Amino acid sequence: MPALWIAHVKVNDEEAYGKYAKLAGPAIAAHGGTFLARGGRYVQLEGPDRPRNVVAKFPSVDAAVACYESDAYQEALSHARGASERELVVVEIDD
């Protein structure tokens, strides 16, 4: 079943996070992920405000987790650590 990768992010260092974003996109695509939302208008109703919200669709939870654990994504993530505050969850879509 397909899954959504949902990230809520507050960027503290635009330059370092830009390096993450440049590398993360290809890593996500390599695992069958496609972006549904990156940034854009949002309304924070509950929880901590994270002004950057990203949603990507993957073929499965396993594909999303494999992406996260991949060397390519971990390299990208090394630029986001310390440059952002993030929450990331993968949720199976109930088709």
N, C-alpha and C. Protein backbone atom coordinates (compact mmCIF):
# COMPACT_ATOMS: atom_id res chain seq x y z
N MET A 1 0.84 -1.19 0.00
CA MET A 1 0.00 0.00 0.00
C MET A 1 0.89 1.25 0.00
N PRO A 2 0.47 2.30 -0.68
CA PRO A 2 1.26 3.53 -0.71
C PRO A 2 1.37 4.16 0.68
N ALA A 3 2.35 5.03 0.82
CA ALA A 3 2.59 5.69 2.09
C ALA A 3 2.96 7.15 1.87
N LEU A 4 2.70 7.96 2.87
CA LEU A 4 3.10 9.36 2.86
C LEU A 4 4.23 9.58 3.84
N TRP A 5 5.21 10.33 3.40
CA TRP A 5 6.36 10.78 4.21
C TRP A 5 6.01 12.22 4.54
N ILE A 6 5.82 12.53 5.80
CA ILE A 6 5.37 13.85 6.22
C ILE A 6 6.42 14.45 7.15
N ALA A 7 6.99 15.57 6.73
CA ALA A 7 8.02 16.25 7.50
C ALA A 7 7.55 17.64 7.87
N HIS A 8 7.79 18.00 9.11
CA HIS A 8 7.52 19.35 9.61
C HIS A 8 8.87 19.91 10.05
N VAL A 9 9.26 21.05 9.48
CA VAL A 9 10.63 21.53 9.63
C VAL A 9 10.67 23.01 9.97
N LYS A 10 11.55 23.36 10.88
CA LYS A 10 11.91 24.76 11.12
C LYS A 10 13.39 24.88 10.76
N VAL A 11 13.69 25.67 9.76
CA VAL A 11 15.07 25.82 9.27
C VAL A 11 15.76 26.92 10.07
N ASN A 12 16.95 26.58 10.60
CA ASN A 12 17.75 27.54 11.36
C ASN A 12 18.97 28.03 10.59
N ASP A 13 19.37 27.28 9.57
CA ASP A 13 20.54 27.64 8.76
C ASP A 13 20.18 27.35 7.30
N GLU A 14 19.77 28.40 6.59
CA GLU A 14 19.29 28.25 5.20
C GLU A 14 20.35 27.65 4.27
N GLU A 15 21.60 28.05 4.42
CA GLU A 15 22.65 27.57 3.53
C GLU A 15 22.85 26.06 3.70
N ALA A 16 23.01 25.61 4.93
CA ALA A 16 23.21 24.18 5.18
C ALA A 16 21.98 23.39 4.77
N TYR A 17 20.80 23.91 5.07
CA TYR A 17 19.58 23.19 4.73
C TYR A 17 19.39 23.12 3.21
N GLY A 18 19.86 24.13 2.51
CA GLY A 18 19.82 24.10 1.05
C GLY A 18 20.62 22.94 0.49
N LYS A 19 21.75 22.62 1.13
CA LYS A 19 22.55 21.46 0.71
C LYS A 19 21.77 20.18 0.94
N TYR A 20 21.07 20.11 2.07
CA TYR A 20 20.21 18.95 2.34
C TYR A 20 19.17 18.80 1.23
N ALA A 21 18.45 19.88 0.94
CA ALA A 21 17.36 19.83 -0.03
C ALA A 21 17.87 19.41 -1.41
N LYS A 22 19.04 19.89 -1.79
CA LYS A 22 19.61 19.55 -3.10
C LYS A 22 19.88 18.06 -3.22
N LEU A 23 20.32 17.43 -2.14
CA LEU A 23 20.65 16.00 -2.15
C LEU A 23 19.45 15.11 -1.84
N ALA A 24 18.53 15.61 -1.03
CA ALA A 24 17.39 14.79 -0.59
C ALA A 24 16.44 14.48 -1.74
N GLY A 25 16.18 15.44 -2.59
CA GLY A 25 15.24 15.22 -3.71
C GLY A 25 15.59 14.02 -4.56
N PRO A 26 16.83 13.94 -5.05
CA PRO A 26 17.20 12.76 -5.84
C PRO A 26 17.15 11.45 -5.05
N ALA A 27 17.50 11.48 -3.77
CA ALA A 27 17.44 10.27 -2.95
C ALA A 27 16.00 9.80 -2.81
N ILE A 28 15.09 10.74 -2.61
CA ILE A 28 13.67 10.40 -2.49
C ILE A 28 13.15 9.85 -3.83
N ALA A 29 13.48 10.50 -4.91
CA ALA A 29 13.04 10.03 -6.23
C ALA A 29 13.57 8.63 -6.55
N ALA A 30 14.80 8.35 -6.13
CA ALA A 30 15.42 7.05 -6.40
C ALA A 30 14.68 5.90 -5.71
N HIS A 31 13.90 6.23 -4.69
CA HIS A 31 13.13 5.21 -3.97
C HIS A 31 11.64 5.26 -4.32
N GLY A 32 11.33 5.92 -5.42
CA GLY A 32 9.94 5.97 -5.89
C GLY A 32 9.10 7.05 -5.25
N GLY A 33 9.74 7.97 -4.51
CA GLY A 33 9.01 9.05 -3.86
C GLY A 33 8.72 10.19 -4.81
N THR A 34 7.54 10.76 -4.69
CA THR A 34 7.17 11.95 -5.46
C THR A 34 6.61 12.98 -4.49
N PHE A 35 6.99 14.23 -4.68
CA PHE A 35 6.55 15.29 -3.77
C PHE A 35 5.12 15.71 -4.09
N LEU A 36 4.32 15.81 -3.04
CA LEU A 36 2.96 16.33 -3.15
C LEU A 36 2.88 17.76 -2.63
N ALA A 37 3.73 18.08 -1.66
CA ALA A 37 3.77 19.44 -1.10
C ALA A 37 5.18 19.70 -0.57
N ARG A 38 5.67 20.89 -0.86
CA ARG A 38 6.96 21.35 -0.32
C ARG A 38 6.82 22.82 -0.01
N GLY A 39 6.70 23.12 1.28
CA GLY A 39 6.47 24.50 1.64
C GLY A 39 5.03 24.86 1.36
N GLY A 40 4.78 26.05 0.93
CA GLY A 40 3.43 26.47 0.60
C GLY A 40 2.63 26.91 1.81
N ARG A 41 1.46 27.37 1.53
CA ARG A 41 0.57 27.89 2.57
C ARG A 41 0.14 26.76 3.50
N TYR A 42 0.10 27.07 4.79
CA TYR A 42 -0.34 26.09 5.78
C TYR A 42 -1.02 26.83 6.92
N VAL A 43 -1.77 26.10 7.71
CA VAL A 43 -2.41 26.63 8.91
C VAL A 43 -2.04 25.70 10.06
N GLN A 44 -1.33 26.22 11.06
CA GLN A 44 -0.92 25.42 12.22
C GLN A 44 -2.07 25.39 13.21
N LEU A 45 -2.66 24.23 13.42
CA LEU A 45 -3.79 24.10 14.32
C LEU A 45 -3.40 23.56 15.69
N GLU A 46 -2.40 22.69 15.74
CA GLU A 46 -1.94 22.13 17.00
C GLU A 46 -0.46 21.83 16.90
N GLY A 47 0.19 21.74 18.05
CA GLY A 47 1.59 21.34 18.11
C GLY A 47 2.54 22.47 17.76
N PRO A 48 3.84 22.15 17.78
CA PRO A 48 4.85 23.18 17.49
C PRO A 48 4.78 23.64 16.04
N ASP A 49 4.95 24.93 15.86
CA ASP A 49 4.92 25.49 14.51
C ASP A 49 6.22 25.18 13.80
N ARG A 50 6.11 24.53 12.68
CA ARG A 50 7.24 24.24 11.81
C ARG A 50 6.86 24.78 10.43
N PRO A 51 7.41 25.93 10.04
CA PRO A 51 6.92 26.62 8.84
C PRO A 51 7.20 25.95 7.50
N ARG A 52 7.99 24.89 7.49
CA ARG A 52 8.22 24.16 6.23
C ARG A 52 7.60 22.78 6.40
N ASN A 53 6.65 22.47 5.55
CA ASN A 53 5.95 21.19 5.62
C ASN A 53 6.10 20.50 4.28
N VAL A 54 6.53 19.24 4.33
CA VAL A 54 6.82 18.48 3.11
C VAL A 54 6.06 17.17 3.16
N VAL A 55 5.39 16.85 2.06
CA VAL A 55 4.70 15.57 1.94
C VAL A 55 5.16 14.92 0.64
N ALA A 56 5.63 13.68 0.77
CA ALA A 56 6.02 12.89 -0.40
C ALA A 56 5.28 11.57 -0.36
N LYS A 57 4.90 11.08 -1.51
CA LYS A 57 4.21 9.79 -1.62
C LYS A 57 5.21 8.74 -2.09
N PHE A 58 5.21 7.60 -1.41
CA PHE A 58 6.07 6.47 -1.75
C PHE A 58 5.20 5.27 -2.09
N PRO A 59 5.75 4.29 -2.80
CA PRO A 59 4.98 3.10 -3.13
C PRO A 59 4.55 2.30 -1.90
N SER A 60 5.33 2.42 -0.80
CA SER A 60 5.03 1.66 0.41
C SER A 60 5.78 2.26 1.60
N VAL A 61 5.38 1.85 2.80
CA VAL A 61 6.12 2.25 4.00
C VAL A 61 7.56 1.75 3.88
N ASP A 62 7.72 0.52 3.44
CA ASP A 62 9.06 -0.06 3.31
C ASP A 62 9.95 0.76 2.38
N ALA A 63 9.39 1.25 1.27
CA ALA A 63 10.16 2.06 0.33
C ALA A 63 10.59 3.38 0.98
N ALA A 64 9.69 3.98 1.76
CA ALA A 64 10.02 5.24 2.44
C ALA A 64 11.11 5.02 3.49
N VAL A 65 10.99 3.94 4.25
CA VAL A 65 12.00 3.64 5.26
C VAL A 65 13.33 3.31 4.60
N ALA A 66 13.31 2.57 3.50
CA ALA A 66 14.55 2.26 2.77
C ALA A 66 15.20 3.54 2.28
N CYS A 67 14.41 4.49 1.83
CA CYS A 67 14.94 5.78 1.41
C CYS A 67 15.63 6.46 2.58
N TYR A 68 14.94 6.55 3.71
CA TYR A 68 15.50 7.21 4.89
C TYR A 68 16.83 6.56 5.30
N GLU A 69 16.89 5.25 5.24
CA GLU A 69 18.08 4.52 5.68
C GLU A 69 19.19 4.46 4.62
N SER A 70 18.90 4.90 3.41
CA SER A 70 19.88 4.81 2.32
C SER A 70 21.07 5.74 2.56
N ASP A 71 22.20 5.35 2.00
CA ASP A 71 23.40 6.18 2.10
C ASP A 71 23.18 7.57 1.52
N ALA A 72 22.47 7.63 0.40
CA ALA A 72 22.24 8.92 -0.27
C ALA A 72 21.42 9.85 0.62
N TYR A 73 20.36 9.33 1.23
CA TYR A 73 19.54 10.20 2.08
C TYR A 73 20.29 10.55 3.37
N GLN A 74 21.02 9.62 3.93
CA GLN A 74 21.77 9.92 5.15
C GLN A 74 22.83 10.99 4.89
N GLU A 75 23.42 10.98 3.69
CA GLU A 75 24.36 12.05 3.32
C GLU A 75 23.63 13.38 3.28
N ALA A 76 22.45 13.41 2.67
CA ALA A 76 21.65 14.63 2.64
C ALA A 76 21.31 15.08 4.06
N LEU A 77 20.87 14.14 4.88
CA LEU A 77 20.44 14.44 6.24
C LEU A 77 21.57 15.01 7.09
N SER A 78 22.80 14.65 6.78
CA SER A 78 23.93 15.19 7.54
C SER A 78 23.99 16.71 7.45
N HIS A 79 23.45 17.29 6.39
CA HIS A 79 23.43 18.75 6.24
C HIS A 79 22.25 19.38 6.99
N ALA A 80 21.21 18.61 7.23
CA ALA A 80 20.03 19.13 7.93
C ALA A 80 20.21 19.13 9.44
N ARG A 81 20.99 18.17 9.94
CA ARG A 81 21.23 18.10 11.39
C ARG A 81 21.94 19.36 11.85
N GLY A 82 21.40 19.98 12.87
CA GLY A 82 21.97 21.23 13.35
C GLY A 82 21.51 22.44 12.57
N ALA A 83 20.99 22.23 11.38
CA ALA A 83 20.51 23.34 10.55
C ALA A 83 18.99 23.46 10.62
N SER A 84 18.35 22.50 11.31
CA SER A 84 16.89 22.50 11.35
C SER A 84 16.39 21.73 12.56
N GLU A 85 15.13 22.00 12.89
CA GLU A 85 14.38 21.21 13.85
C GLU A 85 13.33 20.49 13.04
N ARG A 86 13.25 19.15 13.18
CA ARG A 86 12.41 18.37 12.27
C ARG A 86 11.62 17.32 13.01
N GLU A 87 10.46 17.03 12.48
CA GLU A 87 9.72 15.82 12.80
C GLU A 87 9.42 15.14 11.47
N LEU A 88 9.53 13.82 11.45
CA LEU A 88 9.28 13.07 10.23
C LEU A 88 8.52 11.81 10.58
N VAL A 89 7.45 11.56 9.86
CA VAL A 89 6.66 10.35 10.06
C VAL A 89 6.30 9.78 8.70
N VAL A 90 6.20 8.46 8.64
CA VAL A 90 5.72 7.78 7.43
C VAL A 90 4.41 7.11 7.80
N VAL A 91 3.38 7.36 6.99
CA VAL A 91 2.04 6.86 7.27
C VAL A 91 1.51 6.11 6.05
N GLU A 92 1.07 4.91 6.28
CA GLU A 92 0.46 4.13 5.19
C GLU A 92 -0.87 4.74 4.81
N ILE A 93 -1.12 4.83 3.51
CA ILE A 93 -2.39 5.36 3.00
C ILE A 93 -3.40 4.25 2.98
N ASP A 94 -4.55 4.48 3.52
CA ASP A 94 -5.63 3.52 3.53
C ASP A 94 -6.37 3.61 2.21
N ASP A 95 -5.97 2.79 1.26
CA ASP A 95 -6.61 2.81 -0.07
C ASP A 95 -7.85 1.95 -0.10
